[in-house]
Amino acid sequence: MRYDYFTANSDEDAARSLESPEGPASLFPTAAFKRIDPFMQVPRAEAFLTGSTEEAAADKPRSMKLVAEAGEGEVTVVTLTDDFRDALAATDEARRRELAEFWSGAEDLSGEAGPEELLPVVDGLAALAKQAKPTGGHLYCWVSV
């Protein structure tokens, strides 16, 4: 699985990433990660950062909403919530380290990635969020099976 997180101004713009052979990287600011599954890790991170529950984070209208797909679901684009974007954009280095530590203990990552390996992931996502928030841009994930 490949996960490319990116920013776009609208769902329609984000859907255009399926038209590019390189995915969103040729069209939008992007950060690619292999281990951070948006369906598992993002609601968990949103709950951690906002103080909500994972269930509440996952139940929001823009949480993992399908924007577009290619083939029979081999490549999809899903939304991430603006609450997640805003919480990430507000993090300082200490809070990003806390999130990396939190994620490293996730059962589904089963010790595959320690906090020091995950910190660049958190930093990359936070940088995207900080870029998107002032312009009203959104966060998305391009998932390739």
N, C-alpha and C. Protein backbone atom coordinates (compact mmCIF):
# COMPACT_ATOMS: atom_id res chain seq x y z
N MET A 1 0.84 -1.18 0.00
CA MET A 1 0.00 0.00 0.00
C MET A 1 0.89 1.24 0.00
N ARG A 2 0.41 2.22 -0.71
CA ARG A 2 1.10 3.50 -0.74
C ARG A 2 0.10 4.59 -0.38
N TYR A 3 0.52 5.48 0.48
CA TYR A 3 -0.34 6.57 0.94
C TYR A 3 0.35 7.89 0.64
N ASP A 4 -0.24 8.69 -0.23
CA ASP A 4 0.26 10.02 -0.52
C ASP A 4 -0.73 11.02 0.07
N TYR A 5 -0.28 11.74 1.07
CA TYR A 5 -1.10 12.78 1.68
C TYR A 5 -0.83 14.08 0.94
N PHE A 6 -1.88 14.85 0.66
CA PHE A 6 -1.68 16.08 -0.10
C PHE A 6 -2.74 17.12 0.23
N THR A 7 -2.49 18.34 -0.23
CA THR A 7 -3.45 19.42 -0.05
C THR A 7 -4.03 19.79 -1.41
N ALA A 8 -5.30 20.18 -1.38
CA ALA A 8 -5.97 20.70 -2.58
C ALA A 8 -7.06 21.64 -2.09
N ASN A 9 -7.52 22.51 -2.97
CA ASN A 9 -8.52 23.50 -2.57
C ASN A 9 -9.94 22.97 -2.58
N SER A 10 -10.18 21.85 -3.28
CA SER A 10 -11.54 21.31 -3.35
C SER A 10 -11.47 19.81 -3.66
N ASP A 11 -12.59 19.15 -3.43
CA ASP A 11 -12.68 17.73 -3.74
C ASP A 11 -12.49 17.51 -5.25
N GLU A 12 -13.02 18.42 -6.06
CA GLU A 12 -12.89 18.30 -7.50
C GLU A 12 -11.42 18.38 -7.91
N ASP A 13 -10.69 19.32 -7.31
CA ASP A 13 -9.26 19.42 -7.60
C ASP A 13 -8.53 18.15 -7.16
N ALA A 14 -8.86 17.66 -5.98
CA ALA A 14 -8.21 16.45 -5.46
C ALA A 14 -8.46 15.25 -6.37
N ALA A 15 -9.65 15.16 -6.93
CA ALA A 15 -9.99 14.04 -7.82
C ALA A 15 -9.10 14.03 -9.06
N ARG A 16 -8.60 15.20 -9.46
CA ARG A 16 -7.73 15.26 -10.65
C ARG A 16 -6.44 14.47 -10.46
N SER A 17 -6.08 14.17 -9.21
CA SER A 17 -4.85 13.42 -8.97
C SER A 17 -4.90 12.03 -9.60
N LEU A 18 -6.09 11.51 -9.85
CA LEU A 18 -6.22 10.20 -10.49
C LEU A 18 -5.87 10.27 -11.97
N GLU A 19 -5.90 11.46 -12.54
CA GLU A 19 -5.58 11.62 -13.96
C GLU A 19 -4.08 11.66 -14.23
N SER A 20 -3.29 11.85 -13.18
CA SER A 20 -1.85 11.96 -13.33
C SER A 20 -1.17 10.63 -13.07
N PRO A 21 -0.29 10.17 -13.97
CA PRO A 21 0.41 8.91 -13.74
C PRO A 21 1.27 8.93 -12.48
N GLU A 22 1.72 10.12 -12.08
CA GLU A 22 2.54 10.24 -10.87
C GLU A 22 1.71 10.43 -9.62
N GLY A 23 0.39 10.47 -9.75
CA GLY A 23 -0.46 10.71 -8.60
C GLY A 23 -0.46 12.18 -8.24
N PRO A 24 -0.75 12.51 -7.00
CA PRO A 24 -0.89 13.91 -6.62
C PRO A 24 0.41 14.69 -6.60
N ALA A 25 1.54 14.02 -6.53
CA ALA A 25 2.83 14.72 -6.40
C ALA A 25 3.11 15.66 -7.56
N SER A 26 2.57 15.39 -8.72
CA SER A 26 2.82 16.26 -9.87
C SER A 26 1.88 17.47 -9.89
N LEU A 27 0.89 17.46 -9.02
CA LEU A 27 -0.12 18.53 -9.03
C LEU A 27 -0.21 19.34 -7.73
N PHE A 28 0.12 18.71 -6.61
CA PHE A 28 -0.14 19.33 -5.31
C PHE A 28 1.04 19.12 -4.36
N PRO A 29 1.12 19.94 -3.30
CA PRO A 29 2.08 19.64 -2.24
C PRO A 29 1.73 18.28 -1.63
N THR A 30 2.72 17.41 -1.51
CA THR A 30 2.47 16.02 -1.15
C THR A 30 3.52 15.48 -0.19
N ALA A 31 3.12 14.54 0.63
CA ALA A 31 4.03 13.79 1.49
C ALA A 31 3.59 12.33 1.42
N ALA A 32 4.51 11.43 1.06
CA ALA A 32 4.18 10.01 0.88
C ALA A 32 4.73 9.19 2.04
N PHE A 33 3.90 8.27 2.56
CA PHE A 33 4.29 7.41 3.66
C PHE A 33 3.72 6.02 3.43
N LYS A 34 4.47 5.02 3.80
CA LYS A 34 4.01 3.64 3.59
C LYS A 34 3.16 3.12 4.75
N ARG A 35 3.42 3.54 5.96
CA ARG A 35 2.80 2.89 7.11
C ARG A 35 1.57 3.60 7.67
N ILE A 36 1.32 4.84 7.30
CA ILE A 36 0.27 5.60 7.95
C ILE A 36 -1.03 5.50 7.15
N ASP A 37 -1.80 4.48 7.47
CA ASP A 37 -3.07 4.19 6.84
C ASP A 37 -4.09 5.23 7.29
N PRO A 38 -4.70 5.97 6.37
CA PRO A 38 -5.63 7.02 6.77
C PRO A 38 -6.86 6.49 7.50
N PHE A 39 -7.26 5.28 7.21
CA PHE A 39 -8.46 4.74 7.83
C PHE A 39 -8.21 4.31 9.28
N MET A 40 -6.98 3.97 9.60
CA MET A 40 -6.64 3.55 10.96
C MET A 40 -5.96 4.66 11.76
N GLN A 41 -4.91 5.22 11.19
CA GLN A 41 -4.07 6.13 11.95
C GLN A 41 -4.60 7.56 12.04
N VAL A 42 -5.29 8.05 11.03
CA VAL A 42 -5.73 9.45 11.06
C VAL A 42 -6.81 9.70 12.11
N PRO A 43 -7.88 8.89 12.19
CA PRO A 43 -8.85 9.14 13.25
C PRO A 43 -8.22 9.01 14.65
N ARG A 44 -7.28 8.10 14.78
CA ARG A 44 -6.57 7.92 16.05
C ARG A 44 -5.78 9.19 16.39
N ALA A 45 -5.08 9.72 15.40
CA ALA A 45 -4.30 10.95 15.61
C ALA A 45 -5.20 12.14 15.88
N GLU A 46 -6.31 12.23 15.15
CA GLU A 46 -7.24 13.34 15.38
C GLU A 46 -7.78 13.29 16.81
N ALA A 47 -8.14 12.11 17.26
CA ALA A 47 -8.64 11.97 18.63
C ALA A 47 -7.56 12.37 19.63
N PHE A 48 -6.34 11.95 19.40
CA PHE A 48 -5.22 12.29 20.28
C PHE A 48 -5.01 13.80 20.33
N LEU A 49 -5.05 14.45 19.18
CA LEU A 49 -4.76 15.88 19.12
C LEU A 49 -5.91 16.76 19.59
N THR A 50 -7.14 16.30 19.42
CA THR A 50 -8.29 17.14 19.74
C THR A 50 -8.98 16.77 21.04
N GLY A 51 -8.67 15.60 21.59
CA GLY A 51 -9.33 15.17 22.81
C GLY A 51 -10.67 14.50 22.58
N SER A 52 -11.02 14.27 21.32
CA SER A 52 -12.27 13.55 21.01
C SER A 52 -12.00 12.05 21.07
N THR A 53 -12.97 11.27 20.72
CA THR A 53 -12.77 9.83 20.62
C THR A 53 -12.47 9.46 19.17
N GLU A 54 -11.89 8.29 18.96
CA GLU A 54 -11.64 7.82 17.59
C GLU A 54 -12.95 7.68 16.83
N GLU A 55 -13.98 7.19 17.52
CA GLU A 55 -15.27 7.00 16.88
C GLU A 55 -15.85 8.34 16.42
N ALA A 56 -15.75 9.37 17.28
CA ALA A 56 -16.25 10.69 16.91
C ALA A 56 -15.46 11.25 15.73
N ALA A 57 -14.16 11.06 15.73
CA ALA A 57 -13.32 11.55 14.63
C ALA A 57 -13.68 10.83 13.33
N ALA A 58 -13.90 9.53 13.42
CA ALA A 58 -14.20 8.74 12.22
C ALA A 58 -15.61 8.99 11.69
N ASP A 59 -16.50 9.51 12.54
CA ASP A 59 -17.89 9.72 12.13
C ASP A 59 -18.15 11.08 11.49
N LYS A 60 -17.15 11.93 11.40
CA LYS A 60 -17.36 13.27 10.82
C LYS A 60 -17.60 13.13 9.31
N PRO A 61 -18.39 14.04 8.75
CA PRO A 61 -18.74 13.94 7.32
C PRO A 61 -17.54 13.89 6.37
N ARG A 62 -16.45 14.56 6.67
CA ARG A 62 -15.29 14.54 5.77
C ARG A 62 -14.24 13.51 6.18
N SER A 63 -14.54 12.68 7.15
CA SER A 63 -13.58 11.67 7.58
C SER A 63 -13.58 10.50 6.61
N MET A 64 -12.52 10.39 5.82
CA MET A 64 -12.32 9.31 4.87
C MET A 64 -13.43 9.20 3.84
N LYS A 65 -14.02 10.34 3.48
CA LYS A 65 -15.05 10.37 2.44
C LYS A 65 -14.38 10.09 1.09
N LEU A 66 -14.93 9.17 0.34
CA LEU A 66 -14.39 8.83 -0.97
C LEU A 66 -14.66 9.99 -1.94
N VAL A 67 -13.59 10.49 -2.54
CA VAL A 67 -13.68 11.58 -3.51
C VAL A 67 -13.67 11.02 -4.92
N ALA A 68 -12.80 10.04 -5.16
CA ALA A 68 -12.66 9.46 -6.49
C ALA A 68 -11.95 8.12 -6.37
N GLU A 69 -12.16 7.29 -7.41
CA GLU A 69 -11.44 6.01 -7.46
C GLU A 69 -11.17 5.64 -8.90
N ALA A 70 -10.12 4.86 -9.08
CA ALA A 70 -9.75 4.38 -10.41
C ALA A 70 -9.77 2.86 -10.39
N GLY A 71 -10.07 2.30 -11.54
CA GLY A 71 -10.14 0.85 -11.63
C GLY A 71 -11.26 0.34 -10.73
N GLU A 72 -10.98 -0.73 -10.07
CA GLU A 72 -11.96 -1.28 -9.13
C GLU A 72 -11.52 -1.00 -7.71
N GLY A 73 -11.11 0.23 -7.48
CA GLY A 73 -10.67 0.65 -6.16
C GLY A 73 -9.19 0.47 -5.92
N GLU A 74 -8.43 0.21 -6.99
CA GLU A 74 -6.98 0.05 -6.82
C GLU A 74 -6.33 1.36 -6.37
N VAL A 75 -6.91 2.48 -6.80
CA VAL A 75 -6.44 3.80 -6.39
C VAL A 75 -7.66 4.61 -5.98
N THR A 76 -7.59 5.19 -4.80
CA THR A 76 -8.68 6.03 -4.32
C THR A 76 -8.12 7.34 -3.75
N VAL A 77 -8.99 8.32 -3.69
CA VAL A 77 -8.69 9.58 -3.01
C VAL A 77 -9.76 9.77 -1.96
N VAL A 78 -9.32 10.00 -0.71
CA VAL A 78 -10.25 10.22 0.39
C VAL A 78 -9.92 11.54 1.09
N THR A 79 -10.94 12.09 1.72
CA THR A 79 -10.78 13.34 2.46
C THR A 79 -10.30 13.06 3.88
N LEU A 80 -9.63 14.04 4.45
CA LEU A 80 -9.34 14.07 5.87
C LEU A 80 -10.10 15.27 6.43
N THR A 81 -10.41 15.26 7.70
CA THR A 81 -11.23 16.34 8.24
C THR A 81 -10.45 17.64 8.40
N ASP A 82 -11.18 18.73 8.35
CA ASP A 82 -10.56 20.03 8.60
C ASP A 82 -10.17 20.15 10.08
N ASP A 83 -10.85 19.43 10.96
CA ASP A 83 -10.45 19.42 12.37
C ASP A 83 -9.06 18.80 12.52
N PHE A 84 -8.79 17.74 11.78
CA PHE A 84 -7.47 17.13 11.80
C PHE A 84 -6.43 18.10 11.24
N ARG A 85 -6.76 18.73 10.10
CA ARG A 85 -5.86 19.74 9.51
C ARG A 85 -5.54 20.83 10.53
N ASP A 86 -6.58 21.37 11.17
CA ASP A 86 -6.39 22.48 12.11
C ASP A 86 -5.58 22.05 13.33
N ALA A 87 -5.86 20.86 13.84
CA ALA A 87 -5.12 20.37 15.01
C ALA A 87 -3.65 20.16 14.67
N LEU A 88 -3.39 19.59 13.50
CA LEU A 88 -2.00 19.40 13.06
C LEU A 88 -1.29 20.73 12.84
N ALA A 89 -1.99 21.66 12.23
CA ALA A 89 -1.39 22.97 11.94
C ALA A 89 -1.01 23.70 13.23
N ALA A 90 -1.71 23.42 14.30
CA ALA A 90 -1.47 24.10 15.58
C ALA A 90 -0.36 23.45 16.41
N THR A 91 0.17 22.32 15.98
CA THR A 91 1.16 21.61 16.79
C THR A 91 2.50 22.31 16.78
N ASP A 92 3.16 22.22 17.92
CA ASP A 92 4.55 22.63 17.99
C ASP A 92 5.41 21.37 17.99
N GLU A 93 6.72 21.53 18.04
CA GLU A 93 7.61 20.36 17.94
C GLU A 93 7.35 19.35 19.06
N ALA A 94 7.11 19.83 20.27
CA ALA A 94 6.87 18.92 21.40
C ALA A 94 5.61 18.10 21.18
N ARG A 95 4.55 18.73 20.68
CA ARG A 95 3.30 18.01 20.44
C ARG A 95 3.45 17.02 19.29
N ARG A 96 4.23 17.38 18.28
CA ARG A 96 4.46 16.44 17.17
C ARG A 96 5.25 15.23 17.67
N ARG A 97 6.19 15.44 18.56
CA ARG A 97 6.93 14.31 19.16
C ARG A 97 5.99 13.41 19.95
N GLU A 98 5.05 14.02 20.68
CA GLU A 98 4.07 13.23 21.44
C GLU A 98 3.21 12.37 20.51
N LEU A 99 2.81 12.95 19.38
CA LEU A 99 2.02 12.18 18.42
C LEU A 99 2.84 11.04 17.83
N ALA A 100 4.09 11.29 17.50
CA ALA A 100 4.96 10.23 16.97
C ALA A 100 5.10 9.10 18.00
N GLU A 101 5.27 9.45 19.25
CA GLU A 101 5.36 8.45 20.32
C GLU A 101 4.05 7.67 20.44
N PHE A 102 2.94 8.38 20.40
CA PHE A 102 1.61 7.75 20.47
C PHE A 102 1.42 6.77 19.31
N TRP A 103 1.70 7.22 18.10
CA TRP A 103 1.55 6.35 16.94
C TRP A 103 2.46 5.14 17.01
N SER A 104 3.65 5.29 17.55
CA SER A 104 4.59 4.17 17.59
C SER A 104 4.07 3.03 18.46
N GLY A 105 3.17 3.33 19.37
CA GLY A 105 2.60 2.31 20.23
C GLY A 105 1.34 1.67 19.66
N ALA A 106 0.91 2.09 18.48
CA ALA A 106 -0.31 1.55 17.88
C ALA A 106 -0.13 0.07 17.55
N GLU A 107 -1.11 -0.71 17.91
CA GLU A 107 -1.05 -2.16 17.71
C GLU A 107 -0.89 -2.52 16.24
N ASP A 108 -1.59 -1.80 15.34
CA ASP A 108 -1.52 -2.15 13.92
C ASP A 108 -0.17 -1.80 13.29
N LEU A 109 0.62 -0.97 13.96
CA LEU A 109 1.99 -0.74 13.48
C LEU A 109 2.93 -1.76 14.10
N SER A 110 2.48 -2.45 15.09
CA SER A 110 3.16 -3.57 15.78
C SER A 110 4.68 -3.44 15.85
N GLY A 111 5.11 -2.31 16.34
CA GLY A 111 6.54 -2.13 16.54
C GLY A 111 7.34 -1.93 15.27
N GLU A 112 6.68 -1.79 14.12
CA GLU A 112 7.39 -1.62 12.84
C GLU A 112 8.06 -0.26 12.73
N ALA A 113 7.55 0.72 13.47
CA ALA A 113 8.09 2.07 13.37
C ALA A 113 8.16 2.70 14.75
N GLY A 114 9.35 3.15 15.10
CA GLY A 114 9.53 3.83 16.37
C GLY A 114 9.25 5.32 16.24
N PRO A 115 9.24 6.02 17.38
CA PRO A 115 8.96 7.45 17.36
C PRO A 115 9.89 8.25 16.47
N GLU A 116 11.15 7.89 16.43
CA GLU A 116 12.09 8.65 15.61
C GLU A 116 11.83 8.44 14.11
N GLU A 117 11.32 7.28 13.74
CA GLU A 117 10.95 7.03 12.35
C GLU A 117 9.66 7.74 11.98
N LEU A 118 8.76 7.87 12.97
CA LEU A 118 7.47 8.48 12.71
C LEU A 118 7.48 10.00 12.82
N LEU A 119 8.45 10.56 13.50
CA LEU A 119 8.50 12.02 13.64
C LEU A 119 8.56 12.73 12.29
N PRO A 120 9.36 12.29 11.32
CA PRO A 120 9.33 12.95 10.01
C PRO A 120 7.97 12.85 9.32
N VAL A 121 7.25 11.78 9.58
CA VAL A 121 5.90 11.62 9.04
C VAL A 121 4.99 12.69 9.64
N VAL A 122 5.02 12.80 10.95
CA VAL A 122 4.19 13.79 11.65
C VAL A 122 4.59 15.19 11.19
N ASP A 123 5.89 15.45 11.09
CA ASP A 123 6.36 16.76 10.64
C ASP A 123 5.87 17.06 9.22
N GLY A 124 5.91 16.06 8.35
CA GLY A 124 5.45 16.24 6.97
C GLY A 124 3.97 16.53 6.89
N LEU A 125 3.18 15.81 7.68
CA LEU A 125 1.74 16.05 7.71
C LEU A 125 1.44 17.43 8.28
N ALA A 126 2.16 17.82 9.33
CA ALA A 126 1.95 19.13 9.94
C ALA A 126 2.30 20.24 8.96
N ALA A 127 3.36 20.05 8.18
CA ALA A 127 3.74 21.06 7.19
C ALA A 127 2.64 21.22 6.13
N LEU A 128 2.06 20.11 5.69
CA LEU A 128 0.95 20.18 4.74
C LEU A 128 -0.24 20.92 5.36
N ALA A 129 -0.56 20.60 6.60
CA ALA A 129 -1.68 21.24 7.29
C ALA A 129 -1.45 22.74 7.44
N LYS A 130 -0.24 23.11 7.79
CA LYS A 130 0.09 24.53 7.95
C LYS A 130 0.02 25.28 6.62
N GLN A 131 0.30 24.60 5.55
CA GLN A 131 0.21 25.20 4.22
C GLN A 131 -1.25 25.33 3.79
N ALA A 132 -2.06 24.33 4.09
CA ALA A 132 -3.45 24.30 3.63
C ALA A 132 -4.37 25.24 4.43
N LYS A 133 -4.19 25.31 5.72
CA LYS A 133 -5.14 26.02 6.58
C LYS A 133 -5.36 27.48 6.21
N PRO A 134 -4.33 28.30 6.01
CA PRO A 134 -4.57 29.72 5.76
C PRO A 134 -5.36 30.00 4.48
N THR A 135 -5.30 29.11 3.52
CA THR A 135 -5.99 29.32 2.24
C THR A 135 -7.33 28.58 2.19
N GLY A 136 -7.68 27.88 3.26
CA GLY A 136 -8.91 27.10 3.26
C GLY A 136 -8.78 25.80 2.49
N GLY A 137 -7.54 25.40 2.19
CA GLY A 137 -7.31 24.13 1.52
C GLY A 137 -7.61 22.96 2.45
N HIS A 138 -7.77 21.81 1.88
CA HIS A 138 -8.10 20.60 2.63
C HIS A 138 -6.98 19.58 2.50
N LEU A 139 -6.99 18.60 3.39
CA LEU A 139 -6.06 17.48 3.32
C LEU A 139 -6.78 16.27 2.72
N TYR A 140 -6.00 15.52 1.94
CA TYR A 140 -6.53 14.32 1.27
C TYR A 140 -5.47 13.23 1.35
N CYS A 141 -5.91 12.01 1.08
CA CYS A 141 -4.98 10.90 0.96
C CYS A 141 -5.30 10.13 -0.31
N TRP A 142 -4.27 9.93 -1.12
CA TRP A 142 -4.31 9.13 -2.34
C TRP A 142 -3.80 7.75 -1.93
N VAL A 143 -4.64 6.75 -2.04
CA VAL A 143 -4.31 5.41 -1.59
C VAL A 143 -4.18 4.50 -2.81
N SER A 144 -3.03 3.84 -2.92
CA SER A 144 -2.78 2.93 -4.04
C SER A 144 -2.51 1.54 -3.47
N VAL A 145 -3.31 0.59 -3.93
CA VAL A 145 -3.18 -0.80 -3.47
C VAL A 145 -2.10 -1.51 -4.25
